[in-house]
Amino acid sequence: MARPITLFTGQWADLPFEEVARLASEWGYDGLEIACWGDHFEVDKALADDTYVQRKREVLDKYNLSCRILSNHLVGQATCDYPIDERHQAILPARIWGDGDPEGVRQRAAEEMQNTARAAAKFGVDTVVGFTGSPIWYTVAMFPPTPDSMIERGYREFADRWNPILDVFDENGVRFALEVHPTEIAYDYWTTVRTLEAIGHRAAFGLNFDPSHYVWQGFDPVTFLWDFQDRILHVDCKEARLQTGNGRSGVLGSHLPWGDPRRGWDFVSTGHGHVPWEDCFRTLNAIGYDGPISIEWEDAGMDRLTGAPEALEFVRKLNFSPPAAAFDAAFGSGD
């Protein structure tokens, strides 16, 4: 059976949750990856009101949609980020930002991520996708020269802050899937290795596979998927296109806004970029991944009401059944 294709609601949080559910259902999506912002899923309300998760499920049932994943990228970013500043204030609930004292923000964000695990379990979901932030991302240019001790200290700080969060995930039978992404503690292949080592490869911590962030950095999504196959808890489909051949534009984006044609890379409509999607799906089949495939819409150059159904059509064509399942369907299992 083909994996369910879901719509990530994070880019739709300006719309009411039920409106997003209605649109996704009309377009033919199988379900939603629900973001913990806007009115889509509010962690504090889910824990305080016993009817809250029931009402969310009723909306999903009304539109014949499933949900197996919650996402809390925004709060997760603040758990061990450095520095904490006005960028975080813009993405955090006021109750998490509080007075803006950096350590207070980190502590409240950590408590909220623990509560996200509790709310996910209450909602009947066993995976939360998100970010961790990073105490060492700001050193990525390696100048002024960054001593090894500073990097090691950053990984220890991440582990110290996230192990107590993961303890609560364990207690509730929920796993956390880090989206490997610039600005996170794991942003490429080797930082993913170090991140897993830092927390002792504990089972509660896995990965969200989003190859759009790999291709513009120059490492291979298929190799990543194969090598970390035992950690892949979720898959997001988002497309990136490199535009670096004009002699002016570089891969760091030049602090230009999304959609600006001068950028060296940008997000584009799924199927119009440089992610080797067919190879990725073949590898997903080979490693036995049977979870949701979420479409994350971020193309600044196309209206999302046009792009989201187009992306669904593209992914449907690639989301073929794994070979063994197809063989069994045609010829029987031999039992």
Protein backbone atom coordinates (compact mmCIF):
# COMPACT_ATOMS: atom_id res chain seq x y z
CA MET A 1 0.00 0.00 0.00
CA ALA A 2 1.34 3.46 -0.91
CA ARG A 3 2.32 5.74 1.93
CA PRO A 4 -0.17 8.46 2.94
CA ILE A 5 0.55 11.89 1.49
CA THR A 6 -0.09 14.70 3.92
CA LEU A 7 0.05 18.49 3.83
CA PHE A 8 2.23 20.27 6.39
CA THR A 9 0.08 23.06 7.81
CA GLY A 10 2.92 25.34 8.95
CA GLN A 11 2.74 27.54 5.84
CA TRP A 12 -1.05 27.75 6.21
CA ALA A 13 -1.27 28.87 9.84
CA ASP A 14 -2.79 32.21 8.81
CA LEU A 15 -5.92 30.23 7.90
CA PRO A 16 -8.22 28.56 10.43
CA PHE A 17 -7.48 24.87 10.97
CA GLU A 18 -10.80 23.71 9.55
CA GLU A 19 -10.30 25.76 6.38
CA VAL A 20 -6.92 24.09 5.79
CA ALA A 21 -8.48 20.68 6.42
CA ARG A 22 -11.23 21.44 3.91
CA LEU A 23 -8.76 22.54 1.23
CA ALA A 24 -6.48 19.55 1.75
CA SER A 25 -9.42 17.18 1.53
CA GLU A 26 -10.75 18.79 -1.66
CA TRP A 27 -7.31 18.51 -3.28
CA GLY A 28 -7.08 14.81 -2.42
CA TYR A 29 -4.57 14.74 0.44
CA ASP A 30 -4.72 11.76 2.79
CA GLY A 31 -3.99 13.72 5.92
CA LEU A 32 -2.20 16.58 7.66
CA GLU A 33 1.10 17.13 9.42
CA ILE A 34 -0.25 19.61 11.95
CA ALA A 35 1.83 22.58 13.08
CA CYS A 36 1.73 23.73 16.71
CA TRP A 37 1.07 27.36 15.84
CA GLY A 38 -1.83 29.44 14.65
CA ASP A 39 -4.99 27.71 15.81
CA HIS A 40 -3.92 24.42 14.24
CA PHE A 41 -2.69 22.75 17.43
CA GLU A 42 -2.17 24.65 20.69
CA VAL A 43 -0.20 22.59 23.18
CA ASP A 44 -1.38 24.43 26.28
CA LYS A 45 -5.04 24.08 25.32
CA ALA A 46 -4.62 20.41 24.44
CA LEU A 47 -3.38 19.70 27.97
CA ALA A 48 -5.79 22.00 29.78
CA ASP A 49 -9.03 21.00 28.02
CA ASP A 50 -9.99 17.34 27.72
CA THR A 51 -12.28 18.10 24.76
CA TYR A 52 -9.66 19.95 22.70
CA VAL A 53 -8.03 16.96 21.01
CA GLN A 54 -11.44 15.38 20.48
CA ARG A 55 -12.58 18.47 18.57
CA LYS A 56 -9.44 18.37 16.40
CA ARG A 57 -10.09 14.72 15.60
CA GLU A 58 -13.69 15.53 14.71
CA VAL A 59 -12.49 18.06 12.13
CA LEU A 60 -10.11 15.49 10.65
CA ASP A 61 -12.87 12.88 10.53
CA LYS A 62 -15.25 15.37 8.91
CA TYR A 63 -12.85 15.76 5.98
CA ASN A 64 -11.65 12.13 5.94
CA LEU A 65 -8.09 13.06 6.92
CA SER A 66 -5.53 11.30 9.08
CA CYS A 67 -2.83 12.79 11.32
CA ARG A 68 0.21 10.89 12.53
CA ILE A 69 2.62 13.80 13.02
CA LEU A 70 2.71 17.04 15.01
CA SER A 71 5.34 19.69 14.30
CA ASN A 72 6.72 22.23 16.74
CA HIS A 73 9.64 23.81 14.92
CA LEU A 74 9.21 27.33 16.27
CA VAL A 75 9.34 26.62 19.98
CA GLY A 76 11.96 23.90 19.51
CA GLN A 77 14.27 26.45 17.88
CA ALA A 78 14.50 28.39 21.13
CA THR A 79 15.45 25.45 23.37
CA CYS A 80 19.21 25.80 22.87
CA ASP A 81 19.71 28.58 20.34
CA TYR A 82 22.31 31.32 20.59
CA PRO A 83 21.76 34.20 20.53
CA ILE A 84 18.12 34.58 21.56
CA ASP A 85 16.87 37.86 20.09
CA GLU A 86 14.02 39.59 18.27
CA ARG A 87 13.92 36.88 15.62
CA HIS A 88 12.71 34.45 18.27
CA GLN A 89 10.23 36.93 19.69
CA ALA A 90 8.62 37.08 16.24
CA ILE A 91 7.99 33.31 16.11
CA LEU A 92 7.26 32.41 19.74
CA PRO A 93 4.01 32.60 21.70
CA ALA A 94 4.07 35.52 24.12
CA ARG A 95 3.91 33.15 27.07
CA ILE A 96 7.16 31.49 25.91
CA TRP A 97 8.94 34.76 25.13
CA GLY A 98 7.94 36.31 28.47
CA ASP A 99 10.33 39.12 29.38
CA GLY A 100 12.82 38.03 26.70
CA ASP A 101 15.58 37.02 29.11
CA PRO A 102 17.48 34.48 26.96
CA GLU A 103 17.84 31.74 29.54
CA GLY A 104 14.24 32.14 30.62
CA VAL A 105 13.14 31.78 27.00
CA ARG A 106 15.18 28.59 26.63
CA GLN A 107 13.76 27.10 29.82
CA ARG A 108 10.17 27.89 28.89
CA ALA A 109 10.73 26.53 25.37
CA ALA A 110 12.13 23.31 26.82
CA GLU A 111 9.10 22.90 29.08
CA GLU A 112 6.83 23.50 26.09
CA MET A 113 8.60 20.78 24.10
CA GLN A 114 8.10 18.39 27.01
CA ASN A 115 4.43 19.36 27.02
CA THR A 116 4.31 18.81 23.26
CA ALA A 117 5.24 15.17 23.87
CA ARG A 118 2.43 14.90 26.43
CA ALA A 119 -0.06 16.59 24.11
CA ALA A 120 0.97 14.37 21.18
CA ALA A 121 0.34 11.26 23.25
CA LYS A 122 -3.04 12.62 24.29
CA PHE A 123 -3.84 13.26 20.61
CA GLY A 124 -2.79 9.74 19.66
CA VAL A 125 0.32 10.79 17.73
CA ASP A 126 3.71 9.15 18.30
CA THR A 127 6.08 11.49 16.43
CA VAL A 128 6.84 15.20 16.80
CA VAL A 129 8.90 16.90 14.10
CA GLY A 130 10.83 20.05 14.91
CA PHE A 131 13.98 22.05 15.42
CA THR A 132 16.44 22.24 18.30
CA GLY A 133 18.29 25.44 17.53
CA SER A 134 22.04 25.43 18.07
CA PRO A 135 24.50 27.06 20.47
CA ILE A 136 27.26 26.80 17.83
CA TRP A 137 25.61 27.55 14.47
CA TYR A 138 26.75 31.18 14.73
CA THR A 139 30.36 29.92 14.48
CA VAL A 140 29.79 28.14 11.16
CA ALA A 141 32.07 30.51 9.20
CA MET A 142 34.95 29.39 11.50
CA PHE A 143 36.29 32.94 11.76
CA PRO A 144 37.39 34.24 14.14
CA PRO A 145 38.98 30.79 14.46
CA THR A 146 36.74 28.47 16.49
CA PRO A 147 38.59 26.15 18.88
CA ASP A 148 37.53 22.51 19.03
CA SER A 149 36.72 22.97 22.71
CA MET A 150 34.03 25.50 21.83
CA ILE A 151 32.36 23.09 19.41
CA GLU A 152 32.53 20.24 21.90
CA ARG A 153 31.00 22.48 24.54
CA GLY A 154 28.15 23.28 22.16
CA TYR A 155 27.32 19.61 21.63
CA ARG A 156 27.43 19.00 25.39
CA GLU A 157 25.07 21.91 25.94
CA PHE A 158 22.67 20.50 23.36
CA ALA A 159 22.74 17.12 25.10
CA ASP A 160 22.29 18.68 28.55
CA ARG A 161 19.26 20.64 27.37
CA TRP A 162 17.66 17.92 25.25
CA ASN A 163 18.13 14.80 27.34
CA PRO A 164 15.54 15.97 29.92
CA ILE A 165 13.15 16.78 27.05
CA LEU A 166 13.70 13.33 25.54
CA ASP A 167 13.07 11.74 28.94
CA VAL A 168 9.51 13.05 28.73
CA PHE A 169 9.21 11.83 25.14
CA ASP A 170 10.24 8.37 26.36
CA GLU A 171 7.75 8.50 29.23
CA ASN A 172 4.93 9.20 26.77
CA GLY A 173 5.90 6.78 24.00
CA VAL A 174 6.59 9.63 21.58
CA ARG A 175 9.67 10.24 19.43
CA PHE A 176 11.25 13.50 18.29
CA ALA A 177 12.36 13.89 14.66
CA LEU A 178 14.88 16.68 14.11
CA GLU A 179 14.67 18.34 10.72
CA VAL A 180 18.32 18.48 9.64
CA HIS A 181 18.55 22.09 8.58
CA PRO A 182 20.90 25.08 8.67
CA THR A 183 20.73 26.84 12.09
CA GLU A 184 20.16 23.48 13.85
CA ILE A 185 22.64 21.42 15.88
CA ALA A 186 22.60 18.97 12.93
CA TYR A 187 22.59 20.73 9.57
CA ASP A 188 24.50 18.32 7.29
CA TYR A 189 25.87 14.77 7.21
CA TRP A 190 28.74 15.01 9.68
CA THR A 191 26.94 17.26 12.16
CA THR A 192 24.15 14.66 12.18
CA VAL A 193 26.72 12.03 13.15
CA ARG A 194 27.99 14.22 15.99
CA THR A 195 24.49 15.06 17.19
CA LEU A 196 23.50 11.41 17.49
CA GLU A 197 26.75 10.67 19.30
CA ALA A 198 26.14 13.57 21.71
CA ILE A 199 22.91 12.01 22.99
CA GLY A 200 24.15 8.44 22.94
CA HIS A 201 21.97 7.44 19.96
CA ARG A 202 18.96 7.28 22.25
CA ALA A 203 15.84 5.85 20.63
CA ALA A 204 13.59 8.84 21.32
CA PHE A 205 15.63 11.03 18.94
CA GLY A 206 15.33 10.53 15.18
CA LEU A 207 15.40 12.52 11.97
CA ASN A 208 13.01 14.22 9.62
CA PHE A 209 14.26 13.75 6.05
CA ASP A 210 13.91 16.98 4.04
CA PRO A 211 16.35 16.86 1.12
CA SER A 212 15.67 20.43 -0.01
CA HIS A 213 18.20 21.57 2.59
CA TYR A 214 20.82 19.09 1.43
CA VAL A 215 21.14 19.83 -2.28
CA TRP A 216 22.11 23.47 -1.97
CA GLN A 217 24.74 22.54 0.63
CA GLY A 218 26.20 20.00 -1.80
CA PHE A 219 25.71 16.68 -0.04
CA ASP A 220 23.76 13.76 -1.42
CA PRO A 221 20.22 13.14 -0.09
CA VAL A 222 20.20 9.49 -1.14
CA THR A 223 23.44 8.72 0.71
CA PHE A 224 22.08 10.50 3.79
CA LEU A 225 18.84 8.54 3.61
CA TRP A 226 20.62 5.21 3.29
CA ASP A 227 23.21 5.82 5.99
CA PHE A 228 20.69 7.10 8.55
CA GLN A 229 17.88 4.77 7.57
CA ASP A 230 17.33 3.50 11.12
CA ARG A 231 16.69 7.10 12.27
CA ILE A 232 14.26 8.29 9.60
CA LEU A 233 10.98 8.95 11.40
CA HIS A 234 9.31 11.23 8.88
CA VAL A 235 9.72 12.62 5.35
CA ASP A 236 8.99 16.13 4.12
CA CYS A 237 8.85 16.93 0.40
CA LYS A 238 10.20 20.37 -0.33
CA GLU A 239 12.15 21.37 -3.43
CA ALA A 240 15.24 23.55 -3.86
CA ARG A 241 16.85 24.97 -6.98
CA LEU A 242 20.41 26.25 -7.32
CA GLN A 243 20.95 29.43 -9.32
CA THR A 244 24.68 29.93 -8.91
CA GLY A 245 25.93 29.92 -12.50
CA ASN A 246 25.69 33.65 -13.18
CA GLY A 247 28.94 34.64 -11.48
CA ARG A 248 27.17 36.72 -8.82
CA SER A 249 24.93 34.50 -6.70
CA GLY A 250 26.18 32.17 -3.98
CA VAL A 251 24.67 29.36 -1.96
CA LEU A 252 24.39 31.41 1.25
CA GLY A 253 21.58 33.53 -0.18
CA SER A 254 23.16 36.96 0.36
CA HIS A 255 20.53 38.00 2.94
CA LEU A 256 18.11 38.45 0.03
CA PRO A 257 14.42 37.66 0.60
CA TRP A 258 12.85 34.38 -0.52
CA GLY A 259 11.79 34.59 -4.14
CA ASP A 260 14.35 37.26 -5.07
CA PRO A 261 15.88 36.17 -8.42
CA ARG A 262 19.34 37.28 -7.23
CA ARG A 263 19.44 34.51 -4.61
CA GLY A 264 21.85 31.65 -5.31
CA TRP A 265 19.26 29.10 -4.21
CA ASP A 266 15.58 29.11 -3.41
CA PHE A 267 12.61 26.87 -2.75
CA VAL A 268 10.56 26.04 -5.83
CA SER A 269 7.56 23.96 -6.77
CA THR A 270 8.09 20.24 -6.16
CA GLY A 271 9.50 18.63 -9.29
CA HIS A 272 11.06 21.85 -10.62
CA GLY A 273 14.31 21.80 -8.69
CA HIS A 274 17.42 19.73 -8.06
CA VAL A 275 16.33 17.12 -5.52
CA PRO A 276 16.69 13.62 -7.08
CA TRP A 277 13.17 12.65 -6.06
CA GLU A 278 12.87 9.36 -7.92
CA ASP A 279 16.10 8.10 -6.37
CA CYS A 280 14.88 9.26 -2.95
CA PHE A 281 11.62 7.36 -3.30
CA ARG A 282 13.39 4.24 -4.53
CA THR A 283 15.62 4.43 -1.45
CA LEU A 284 12.62 4.95 0.84
CA ASN A 285 11.25 1.72 -0.60
CA ALA A 286 14.56 -0.07 -0.12
CA ILE A 287 14.82 0.90 3.56
CA GLY A 288 11.18 0.02 4.22
CA TYR A 289 9.95 3.48 5.19
CA ASP A 290 6.15 3.28 5.35
CA GLY A 291 5.27 6.52 7.18
CA PRO A 292 3.65 9.67 5.81
CA ILE A 293 5.10 11.77 3.02
CA SER A 294 4.39 15.40 3.89
CA ILE A 295 4.35 18.16 1.31
CA GLU A 296 5.76 21.41 2.69
CA TRP A 297 4.85 24.29 0.43
CA GLU A 298 7.38 27.18 0.38
CA ASP A 299 7.65 28.42 -3.21
CA ALA A 300 7.56 32.24 -3.00
CA GLY A 301 7.11 32.42 -6.77
CA MET A 302 3.85 30.45 -7.03
CA ASP A 303 0.48 30.87 -5.38
CA ARG A 304 0.06 28.13 -2.79
CA LEU A 305 -3.51 27.40 -3.87
CA THR A 306 -2.07 26.41 -7.25
CA GLY A 307 1.11 24.84 -5.95
CA ALA A 308 -0.22 22.55 -3.22
CA PRO A 309 -2.45 20.47 -5.51
CA GLU A 310 0.25 20.43 -8.21
CA ALA A 311 2.78 19.12 -5.69
CA LEU A 312 0.35 16.41 -4.61
CA GLU A 313 -0.02 15.22 -8.21
CA PHE A 314 3.77 15.07 -8.63
CA VAL A 315 4.35 13.12 -5.41
CA ARG A 316 1.50 10.68 -6.13
CA LYS A 317 3.34 9.57 -9.26
CA LEU A 318 6.51 8.82 -7.30
CA ASN A 319 4.90 7.31 -4.23
CA PHE A 320 4.73 3.85 -5.74
CA SER A 321 4.44 0.75 -3.58
CA PRO A 322 7.68 -0.94 -2.52
CA PRO A 323 8.67 -3.81 -4.86
CA ALA A 324 7.82 -6.62 -2.45
CA ALA A 325 4.34 -5.24 -1.86
CA ALA A 326 3.78 -4.86 -5.58
CA PHE A 327 5.01 -8.42 -6.23
CA ASP A 328 2.81 -9.87 -3.49
CA ALA A 329 -0.22 -8.02 -4.83
CA ALA A 330 0.34 -9.44 -8.31
CA PHE A 331 1.48 -12.98 -7.55
CA GLY A 332 0.70 -13.67 -3.89
CA SER A 333 3.15 -14.05 -1.05
CA GLY A 334 3.73 -17.76 -1.62
CA ASP A 335 2.34 -18.72 1.79
